[in-house]
Amino acid sequence: MNEDNAALRVIEDLRAAARAGRTGDRMPSVRDLMARHRASPATVQQAIQRVAAEGLVEVRPGRGSYVAARTNAVAGHDLSWQAVALGEGRPGEDLVANLVAVPKPEAIPLTSGYLDPALQPTDALGAALSRAARRPASWGRVPVEGKEELRAWFAKEAGGELRAGDITVCAGAQEALATVFRGLGDRGDAVLVESPTYLGAIAAARDAGLKVVPVPADQDGVRPDLLQAAFERTGAKVFYCQPLHANPHGAVLSGERRTEVMRIVRRVGAFLVEDDWARGFTIDGTAPPTLVSQDTDGHVVYVRSLTKVAAPGLRVAAIGARGPAGTRLKNTRSRQDLYVAGPLQEAAIDFVTSPVWRRHLRTLQQSLRSRRDALAGALAEHLPEFEIARSSGGLHLWATLPDGVDDLELTTAAAARDVVVFPGRPWFAAEPPGSFLRLTYGGAPEHVLAEGVRRLADAVSTLRR
């Protein structure tokens, strides 16, 4: 079936339903549209976003789509021409926004990319920012690559051959990933990613015009045999990897596979983008060293952020790369945004070089262990049919849903009970092998997580009736 034709049919169907309905009426579900037009989930999502851009549909993350209020038409301001001027939307352009959308105050967050405010060191960060703001030098020009003391800290944390001169400071990990994909690839190039993997990386790579090619992973990380085959088949020169507590499924790249993956990357002459997002989130055992610390030839491009491990407002991350790659990425970064604000960099330096940083990590790990165990226990009690991947750290549990339970339908049913979950399929660069949910234990205290699971179990029961 031609997906372009299917997309047009879905768009026309949605337009007709929106024009015939009243403001606030629920639109057909993604599942209904898929069945009605024999279209893929990606095609249906793109069609919904197209009609939403025309002002006919309002998309409510986690709840579905609804007939939008016709305020513009009533006021005489018809903005529908913009849909023609903008053309086709970019695949997955709404996914990151939906992932980081702020839930209603009364909703229980069983998915979140950030820590519960109770776990954020806001007093220490506020004091650090206050001190930074009082220093006049903080408000002056900043080197494009960032303040040297901050770059030196990131380099030391990464280990190995990286030095301050190899580090470029960015405004958060998403900007860092966008810089890496734009800098290392040309439009049309293939980039390899683990499957499943962080949907923000998929979105950033596609936005850079790259063809995202999935390589299956399991609980020991990416499969080296399939990685080798993917390099040979595609000629890719970039592989995006999360070796520590991979988001969403929590895998840690095993010692044997670390060696094999690095051997493959060296042999084909490729770059490995190491997204070290979960450094500081290990709650069982000891975290392995970074891959970049074992890289002597400049194949690993290192990315690390302070945002998730501290607070959403600390939009400070870094890229570490040596040689011509480092120079190119610094130049790419400067074309996007000249530099991260000086006071924010000064506050980050103050925070991570003070004793409170290590105390925060110790307290955080203890709290996350308790919350992970509470979420896992509630799932075992109320949803024993969910298959939960083991997790030694990070922020999430990855649940394989039982047969007959669709992740999109369950997300919508949970939202109707004021529980926010995120479906599994956007984390796959191609069709997923089943239905999954990413459930987060870092975004709410233990008793709230338990109540959320009870409501989620009720949603599952409703779907099975």
Protein backbone atom coordinates (compact mmCIF):
# COMPACT_ATOMS: atom_id res chain seq x y z
CA MET A 1 0.00 0.00 0.00
CA ASN A 2 1.40 3.40 -0.98
CA GLU A 3 1.93 5.36 2.24
CA ASP A 4 1.62 8.72 0.48
CA ASN A 5 -1.87 7.80 -0.75
CA ALA A 6 -2.75 6.44 2.69
CA ALA A 7 -1.64 9.72 4.29
CA LEU A 8 -3.85 11.73 1.96
CA ARG A 9 -6.85 9.52 2.78
CA VAL A 10 -6.26 9.91 6.50
CA ILE A 11 -5.90 13.69 6.16
CA GLU A 12 -9.16 14.00 4.24
CA ASP A 13 -10.93 11.73 6.72
CA LEU A 14 -9.74 13.87 9.63
CA ARG A 15 -10.67 17.12 7.90
CA ALA A 16 -14.19 15.83 7.24
CA ALA A 17 -14.61 14.64 10.83
CA ALA A 18 -13.34 17.93 12.26
CA ARG A 19 -15.60 20.06 10.06
CA ALA A 20 -18.63 17.92 10.85
CA GLY A 21 -17.99 17.79 14.59
CA ARG A 22 -18.37 20.28 17.40
CA THR A 23 -15.56 21.86 19.42
CA GLY A 24 -14.19 19.31 21.88
CA ASP A 25 -15.58 16.23 20.11
CA ARG A 26 -13.18 13.34 20.15
CA MET A 27 -11.58 12.52 16.80
CA PRO A 28 -11.04 8.94 15.53
CA SER A 29 -8.25 7.15 17.39
CA VAL A 30 -4.91 6.28 15.83
CA ARG A 31 -5.85 2.62 15.94
CA ASP A 32 -9.18 3.26 14.15
CA LEU A 33 -7.48 5.31 11.44
CA MET A 34 -4.79 2.65 10.97
CA ALA A 35 -7.42 -0.04 10.46
CA ARG A 36 -9.71 2.12 8.32
CA HIS A 37 -6.99 3.22 5.88
CA ARG A 38 -4.49 0.37 6.29
CA ALA A 39 -1.84 2.93 7.26
CA SER A 40 1.17 2.72 9.56
CA PRO A 41 1.22 4.47 12.97
CA ALA A 42 3.80 6.95 11.67
CA THR A 43 1.61 7.83 8.68
CA VAL A 44 -1.42 8.39 10.89
CA GLN A 45 0.54 10.53 13.37
CA GLN A 46 1.89 12.70 10.55
CA ALA A 47 -1.62 13.14 9.16
CA ILE A 48 -2.93 14.19 12.56
CA GLN A 49 -0.15 16.76 12.93
CA ARG A 50 -0.88 18.08 9.43
CA VAL A 51 -4.56 18.65 10.25
CA ALA A 52 -3.62 20.09 13.64
CA ALA A 53 -1.38 22.61 11.84
CA GLU A 54 -4.44 23.67 9.85
CA GLY A 55 -6.18 24.55 13.11
CA LEU A 56 -8.88 21.88 12.76
CA VAL A 57 -7.64 19.48 15.41
CA GLU A 58 -6.24 19.90 18.91
CA VAL A 59 -3.77 17.20 20.00
CA ARG A 60 -3.74 16.49 23.72
CA PRO A 61 -0.64 14.43 24.62
CA GLY A 62 -1.58 11.09 26.13
CA ARG A 63 -5.30 11.64 25.49
CA GLY A 64 -5.81 11.76 21.75
CA SER A 65 -7.05 14.42 19.36
CA TYR A 66 -10.19 16.58 19.47
CA VAL A 67 -12.05 19.02 17.26
CA ALA A 68 -10.39 22.39 17.79
CA ALA A 69 -12.20 25.60 18.60
CA ARG A 70 -12.73 27.68 15.49
CA THR A 71 -11.62 30.93 17.09
CA ASN A 72 -9.44 32.01 14.19
CA ALA A 73 -12.21 31.57 11.63
CA VAL A 74 -14.69 33.47 13.80
CA ALA A 75 -12.26 36.37 14.19
CA GLY A 76 -11.68 36.44 10.45
CA HIS A 77 -8.06 35.23 10.71
CA ASP A 78 -7.74 32.19 8.46
CA LEU A 79 -4.32 30.63 9.02
CA SER A 80 -4.95 27.51 6.96
CA TRP A 81 -2.67 28.88 4.19
CA GLN A 82 0.28 28.11 6.45
CA ALA A 83 -0.26 24.36 6.04
CA VAL A 84 0.26 24.78 2.28
CA ALA A 85 3.32 26.98 2.73
CA LEU A 86 4.92 24.68 5.28
CA GLY A 87 4.30 21.50 3.28
CA GLU A 88 4.73 18.06 4.76
CA GLY A 89 5.63 17.88 8.42
CA ARG A 90 8.87 16.34 9.55
CA PRO A 91 8.58 12.75 10.79
CA GLY A 92 8.32 12.59 14.58
CA GLU A 93 8.51 16.36 15.05
CA ASP A 94 5.88 16.23 17.80
CA LEU A 95 7.30 13.32 19.78
CA VAL A 96 9.85 15.17 21.91
CA ALA A 97 7.34 17.91 22.72
CA ASN A 98 4.82 15.28 23.81
CA LEU A 99 7.45 13.50 25.90
CA VAL A 100 8.37 16.61 27.90
CA ALA A 101 4.85 18.06 28.10
CA VAL A 102 3.98 19.15 31.64
CA PRO A 103 1.11 16.98 32.97
CA LYS A 104 -1.92 18.39 34.73
CA PRO A 105 -1.31 19.02 38.45
CA GLU A 106 -3.80 16.30 39.42
CA ALA A 107 -2.27 13.68 37.09
CA ILE A 108 0.03 10.92 38.32
CA PRO A 109 3.24 10.90 36.26
CA LEU A 110 4.28 7.33 35.52
CA THR A 111 6.50 8.71 32.80
CA SER A 112 8.86 11.66 33.07
CA GLY A 113 12.24 12.63 31.72
CA TYR A 114 13.10 14.62 34.83
CA LEU A 115 13.40 14.11 38.55
CA ASP A 116 10.58 14.70 40.97
CA PRO A 117 11.06 18.25 42.36
CA ALA A 118 11.58 16.68 45.79
CA LEU A 119 14.77 15.03 44.45
CA GLN A 120 16.17 18.15 42.79
CA PRO A 121 18.90 20.08 44.65
CA THR A 122 17.10 23.37 44.08
CA ASP A 123 18.38 25.11 47.22
CA ALA A 124 21.99 24.44 46.26
CA LEU A 125 21.37 25.41 42.64
CA GLY A 126 19.59 28.60 43.68
CA ALA A 127 22.47 29.57 45.94
CA ALA A 128 25.01 28.82 43.19
CA LEU A 129 23.07 30.88 40.64
CA SER A 130 22.73 33.75 43.09
CA ARG A 131 26.49 33.82 43.66
CA ALA A 132 27.11 33.63 39.91
CA ALA A 133 24.70 36.48 39.20
CA ARG A 134 26.56 38.76 41.59
CA ARG A 135 29.84 38.32 39.70
CA PRO A 136 30.00 40.97 36.95
CA ALA A 137 32.26 38.77 34.81
CA SER A 138 29.44 36.21 34.53
CA TRP A 139 27.51 38.59 32.31
CA GLY A 140 30.27 39.18 29.78
CA ARG A 141 31.10 37.33 26.60
CA VAL A 142 31.74 33.63 26.88
CA PRO A 143 33.95 31.51 24.60
CA VAL A 144 31.91 29.56 22.06
CA GLU A 145 33.20 26.29 23.49
CA GLY A 146 32.29 27.29 27.05
CA LYS A 147 34.10 28.31 30.22
CA GLU A 148 37.36 26.45 30.67
CA GLU A 149 36.73 25.34 34.26
CA LEU A 150 33.44 23.73 33.28
CA ARG A 151 35.00 22.08 30.24
CA ALA A 152 37.80 20.74 32.42
CA TRP A 153 35.28 19.22 34.82
CA PHE A 154 33.41 17.43 32.03
CA ALA A 155 36.71 16.15 30.59
CA LYS A 156 37.85 14.79 33.96
CA GLU A 157 34.49 13.09 34.53
CA ALA A 158 34.67 11.42 31.11
CA GLY A 159 38.16 10.08 31.74
CA GLY A 160 40.73 8.86 29.23
CA GLU A 161 42.32 11.15 26.67
CA LEU A 162 39.76 13.98 26.72
CA ARG A 163 41.03 17.38 27.83
CA ALA A 164 39.29 20.73 28.39
CA GLY A 165 40.17 21.75 24.84
CA ASP A 166 38.17 18.78 23.50
CA ILE A 167 34.94 19.85 25.21
CA THR A 168 32.15 22.06 23.84
CA VAL A 169 29.44 23.20 26.26
CA CYS A 170 25.82 23.08 25.01
CA ALA A 171 22.41 24.12 26.30
CA GLY A 172 21.25 20.64 27.25
CA ALA A 173 21.61 17.18 25.75
CA GLN A 174 19.04 17.69 23.01
CA GLU A 175 21.06 20.55 21.54
CA ALA A 176 24.22 18.48 21.95
CA LEU A 177 22.69 15.60 19.98
CA ALA A 178 21.44 17.95 17.27
CA THR A 179 24.96 19.36 16.98
CA VAL A 180 26.54 15.91 16.77
CA PHE A 181 24.21 14.61 14.08
CA ARG A 182 24.47 17.77 11.98
CA GLY A 183 28.22 17.91 12.38
CA LEU A 184 29.11 14.27 11.73
CA GLY A 185 26.63 13.45 8.97
CA ASP A 186 25.50 14.78 5.63
CA ARG A 187 21.85 14.77 4.58
CA GLY A 188 20.89 11.34 3.31
CA ASP A 189 23.58 9.51 5.28
CA ALA A 190 22.66 6.51 7.40
CA VAL A 191 23.07 6.64 11.18
CA LEU A 192 22.84 3.47 13.26
CA VAL A 193 20.95 3.46 16.56
CA GLU A 194 20.11 0.83 19.12
CA SER A 195 16.54 -0.45 18.97
CA PRO A 196 14.75 0.69 21.03
CA THR A 197 16.51 3.95 21.82
CA TYR A 198 15.97 7.49 23.02
CA LEU A 199 13.29 9.05 20.81
CA GLY A 200 14.95 12.47 21.14
CA ALA A 201 17.99 11.07 19.36
CA ILE A 202 15.81 9.61 16.61
CA ALA A 203 14.12 12.98 16.16
CA ALA A 204 17.42 14.91 16.14
CA ALA A 205 18.96 12.57 13.57
CA ARG A 206 15.95 12.78 11.27
CA ASP A 207 15.82 16.54 11.65
CA ALA A 208 19.43 16.60 10.44
CA GLY A 209 18.30 14.75 7.31
CA LEU A 210 19.85 11.43 8.29
CA LYS A 211 18.35 8.00 7.62
CA VAL A 212 17.92 6.27 10.99
CA VAL A 213 18.71 2.55 10.86
CA PRO A 214 17.81 0.44 13.94
CA VAL A 215 20.09 -2.26 15.33
CA PRO A 216 18.38 -4.60 17.84
CA ALA A 217 19.52 -4.55 21.46
CA ASP A 218 18.76 -6.81 24.42
CA GLN A 219 19.52 -6.67 28.15
CA ASP A 220 23.26 -6.78 27.44
CA GLY A 221 23.07 -3.85 25.04
CA VAL A 222 23.38 -3.68 21.28
CA ARG A 223 24.06 -6.97 19.49
CA PRO A 224 27.55 -6.79 17.95
CA ASP A 225 26.79 -9.29 15.17
CA LEU A 226 23.88 -7.17 13.95
CA LEU A 227 25.88 -3.97 14.39
CA GLN A 228 28.61 -5.33 12.13
CA ALA A 229 26.05 -6.36 9.53
CA ALA A 230 24.37 -2.93 9.66
CA PHE A 231 27.67 -1.13 9.09
CA GLU A 232 28.42 -3.37 6.11
CA ARG A 233 24.95 -2.98 4.60
CA THR A 234 24.53 0.78 5.02
CA GLY A 235 28.05 2.21 4.92
CA ALA A 236 27.14 4.27 7.99
CA LYS A 237 29.88 6.24 9.73
CA VAL A 238 27.96 7.07 12.92
CA PHE A 239 26.52 4.79 15.62
CA TYR A 240 24.49 6.32 18.46
CA CYS A 241 24.76 4.29 21.68
CA GLN A 242 23.69 4.53 25.34
CA PRO A 243 25.99 2.04 27.06
CA LEU A 244 24.81 2.87 30.61
CA HIS A 245 21.15 2.31 31.61
CA ALA A 246 19.86 2.86 28.07
CA ASN A 247 16.68 4.91 27.79
CA PRO A 248 14.04 3.45 27.57
CA HIS A 249 14.89 -0.18 28.40
CA GLY A 250 17.65 0.19 31.01
CA ALA A 251 20.27 -2.13 29.49
CA VAL A 252 23.95 -1.78 30.37
CA LEU A 253 26.37 -2.73 27.61
CA SER A 254 28.17 -5.83 28.90
CA GLY A 255 31.93 -5.97 29.25
CA GLU A 256 32.32 -8.50 26.44
CA ARG A 257 30.15 -6.46 24.09
CA ARG A 258 31.93 -3.20 24.96
CA THR A 259 35.15 -4.69 23.64
CA GLU A 260 33.48 -6.08 20.53
CA VAL A 261 31.57 -2.88 19.73
CA MET A 262 34.72 -0.79 20.00
CA ARG A 263 36.58 -3.27 17.78
CA ILE A 264 33.86 -3.02 15.11
CA VAL A 265 33.81 0.78 15.19
CA ARG A 266 37.60 0.95 14.79
CA ARG A 267 37.60 -1.57 11.96
CA VAL A 268 35.01 0.30 9.87
CA GLY A 269 36.42 3.73 10.69
CA ALA A 270 33.21 5.07 12.24
CA PHE A 271 32.23 7.38 15.09
CA LEU A 272 30.44 6.04 18.16
CA VAL A 273 28.29 8.69 19.85
CA GLU A 274 28.28 7.79 23.56
CA ASP A 275 25.23 9.31 25.26
CA ASP A 276 26.21 9.10 28.94
CA TRP A 277 22.88 10.52 30.13
CA ALA A 278 22.58 8.18 33.16
CA ARG A 279 25.97 8.80 34.79
CA GLY A 280 25.09 9.23 38.48
CA PHE A 281 21.93 7.10 38.25
CA THR A 282 23.46 3.68 38.99
CA ILE A 283 21.66 2.24 42.02
CA ASP A 284 22.87 -1.38 42.02
CA GLY A 285 26.58 -2.13 41.85
CA THR A 286 29.15 0.17 40.31
CA ALA A 287 28.83 1.95 36.99
CA PRO A 288 31.36 0.85 34.36
CA PRO A 289 33.77 3.47 33.00
CA THR A 290 32.83 5.48 29.95
CA LEU A 291 33.61 4.11 26.51
CA VAL A 292 35.48 7.30 25.70
CA SER A 293 37.90 6.54 28.53
CA GLN A 294 38.94 3.40 26.63
CA ASP A 295 39.22 5.13 23.25
CA THR A 296 42.72 6.03 22.11
CA ASP A 297 42.02 6.84 18.46
CA GLY A 298 39.22 9.41 18.63
CA HIS A 299 36.34 7.20 17.52
CA VAL A 300 34.08 8.04 20.49
CA VAL A 301 32.16 11.32 20.62
CA TYR A 302 31.03 11.83 24.20
CA VAL A 303 27.77 13.52 25.27
CA ARG A 304 26.79 14.23 28.87
CA SER A 305 24.20 16.50 30.46
CA LEU A 306 23.59 17.84 33.97
CA THR A 307 19.91 18.48 33.36
CA LYS A 308 18.45 15.09 34.22
CA VAL A 309 20.66 14.38 37.21
CA ALA A 310 20.05 17.82 38.75
CA ALA A 311 17.05 19.87 37.55
CA PRO A 312 15.29 20.73 34.26
CA GLY A 313 16.39 24.35 34.50
CA LEU A 314 20.10 23.48 34.54
CA ARG A 315 20.35 23.37 30.75
CA VAL A 316 24.06 22.53 30.64
CA ALA A 317 25.60 19.66 28.68
CA ALA A 318 28.84 18.92 26.88
CA ILE A 319 30.23 17.26 23.77
CA GLY A 320 33.67 15.71 23.97
CA ALA A 321 35.53 14.97 20.73
CA ARG A 322 39.17 15.07 19.70
CA GLY A 323 40.88 16.18 16.52
CA PRO A 324 39.07 17.46 13.43
CA ALA A 325 35.78 16.04 14.72
CA GLY A 326 36.01 18.23 17.81
CA THR A 327 36.72 21.30 15.70
CA ARG A 328 33.82 20.58 13.38
CA LEU A 329 31.39 20.07 16.23
CA LYS A 330 32.47 23.29 17.94
CA ASN A 331 31.89 25.17 14.68
CA THR A 332 28.52 23.46 14.18
CA ARG A 333 27.50 24.42 17.70
CA SER A 334 28.45 28.07 17.12
CA ARG A 335 26.17 28.26 14.08
CA GLN A 336 23.17 27.16 16.13
CA ASP A 337 23.62 29.26 19.26
CA LEU A 338 26.72 31.26 20.08
CA TYR A 339 27.17 30.09 23.66
CA VAL A 340 25.41 29.04 26.86
CA ALA A 341 24.62 31.95 29.19
CA GLY A 342 27.55 32.82 31.42
CA PRO A 343 25.65 32.90 34.75
CA LEU A 344 24.28 29.41 34.09
CA GLN A 345 27.75 28.06 33.34
CA GLU A 346 29.15 29.75 36.46
CA ALA A 347 26.36 28.25 38.57
CA ALA A 348 27.06 24.79 37.12
CA ILE A 349 30.76 25.11 37.95
CA ASP A 350 29.93 26.21 41.49
CA PHE A 351 27.51 23.31 41.96
CA VAL A 352 29.52 20.38 40.57
CA THR A 353 32.81 21.40 42.22
CA SER A 354 31.27 21.75 45.70
CA PRO A 355 30.80 18.97 48.29
CA VAL A 356 27.01 19.23 47.82
CA TRP A 357 27.32 17.58 44.38
CA ARG A 358 28.55 14.25 45.75
CA ARG A 359 26.08 14.40 48.64
CA HIS A 360 23.29 14.97 46.13
CA LEU A 361 24.31 11.91 44.12
CA ARG A 362 24.42 9.68 47.20
CA THR A 363 21.02 10.83 48.41
CA LEU A 364 19.57 10.59 44.92
CA GLN A 365 20.71 7.02 44.40
CA GLN A 366 19.20 5.92 47.70
CA SER A 367 15.88 7.56 46.86
CA LEU A 368 15.79 6.12 43.35
CA ARG A 369 16.44 2.61 44.67
CA SER A 370 13.47 2.90 47.02
CA ARG A 371 11.22 4.26 44.27
CA ARG A 372 12.29 1.67 41.71
CA ASP A 373 11.54 -1.13 44.16
CA ALA A 374 8.17 0.43 44.99
CA LEU A 375 7.18 0.69 41.32
CA ALA A 376 8.40 -2.83 40.56
CA GLY A 377 6.52 -4.19 43.59
CA ALA A 378 3.29 -2.45 42.62
CA LEU A 379 3.55 -3.82 39.08
CA ALA A 380 4.17 -7.34 40.37
CA GLU A 381 1.10 -7.06 42.60
CA HIS A 382 -1.39 -5.38 40.28
CA LEU A 383 -0.07 -6.14 36.78
CA PRO A 384 1.84 -9.43 37.03
CA GLU A 385 1.24 -10.08 33.34
CA PHE A 386 3.55 -7.17 32.45
CA GLU A 387 7.06 -8.39 31.69
CA ILE A 388 9.49 -5.93 33.30
CA ALA A 389 13.09 -5.68 32.10
CA ARG A 390 15.65 -5.69 34.87
CA SER A 391 17.04 -2.31 35.82
CA SER A 392 20.18 -1.54 37.82
CA GLY A 393 19.81 2.20 37.41
CA GLY A 394 18.50 5.04 35.33
CA LEU A 395 14.99 6.40 35.79
CA HIS A 396 12.73 3.93 33.99
CA LEU A 397 11.27 0.44 33.87
CA TRP A 398 10.52 -1.03 30.43
CA ALA A 399 7.36 -3.10 30.34
CA THR A 400 6.42 -5.59 27.63
CA LEU A 401 2.62 -5.67 27.47
CA PRO A 402 0.66 -8.91 27.27
CA ASP A 403 -0.98 -10.02 24.04
CA GLY A 404 -4.07 -8.06 23.18
CA VAL A 405 -3.06 -4.88 25.03
CA ASP A 406 -2.14 -2.04 22.67
CA ASP A 407 0.26 0.60 23.97
CA LEU A 408 -1.54 3.54 22.34
CA GLU A 409 -4.95 2.44 23.58
CA LEU A 410 -3.59 1.86 27.08
CA THR A 411 -1.95 5.31 27.09
CA THR A 412 -5.29 6.90 26.27
CA ALA A 413 -7.20 4.78 28.80
CA ALA A 414 -4.66 5.64 31.51
CA ALA A 415 -4.94 9.36 30.73
CA ALA A 416 -8.70 9.14 31.27
CA ARG A 417 -7.81 8.05 34.83
CA ASP A 418 -5.30 10.90 35.25
CA VAL A 419 -2.29 8.62 34.86
CA VAL A 420 0.38 9.69 32.39
CA VAL A 421 2.29 6.88 30.65
CA PHE A 422 4.21 6.91 27.38
CA PRO A 423 3.72 4.26 24.67
CA GLY A 424 6.60 2.13 23.51
CA ARG A 425 6.41 2.42 19.73
CA PRO A 426 8.00 5.91 19.33
CA TRP A 427 11.22 4.54 20.83
CA PHE A 428 11.69 2.31 17.79
CA ALA A 429 13.07 3.71 14.54
CA ALA A 430 11.07 1.05 12.66
CA GLU A 431 8.00 -1.03 13.45
CA PRO A 432 8.18 -2.32 17.05
CA PRO A 433 8.21 -6.07 17.71
CA GLY A 434 5.37 -5.75 20.22
CA SER A 435 3.60 -3.38 22.61
CA PHE A 436 5.59 -1.67 25.36
CA LEU A 437 5.36 1.08 27.96
CA ARG A 438 8.11 3.16 29.51
CA LEU A 439 7.31 3.63 33.20
CA THR A 440 9.32 6.11 35.27
CA TYR A 441 10.11 5.84 38.98
CA GLY A 442 12.05 9.10 39.28
CA GLY A 443 9.12 11.46 38.84
CA ALA A 444 6.92 10.72 41.87
CA PRO A 445 7.18 9.38 45.45
CA GLU A 446 6.48 5.77 46.35
CA HIS A 447 2.85 6.08 47.41
CA VAL A 448 1.98 8.05 44.26
CA LEU A 449 3.65 5.44 42.06
CA ALA A 450 1.62 2.69 43.76
CA GLU A 451 -1.65 4.57 43.20
CA GLY A 452 -0.69 5.17 39.58
CA VAL A 453 -0.16 1.46 39.00
CA ARG A 454 -3.53 0.64 40.58
CA ARG A 455 -5.22 3.05 38.16
CA LEU A 456 -3.19 1.64 35.28
CA ALA A 457 -4.37 -1.86 36.19
CA ASP A 458 -7.96 -0.58 36.07
CA ALA A 459 -7.29 0.81 32.59
CA VAL A 460 -5.97 -2.57 31.45
CA SER A 461 -9.05 -4.32 32.84
CA THR A 462 -11.31 -1.92 30.95
CA LEU A 463 -9.54 -2.59 27.66
CA ARG A 464 -10.02 -6.33 28.10
CA ARG A 465 -13.77 -6.18 28.66
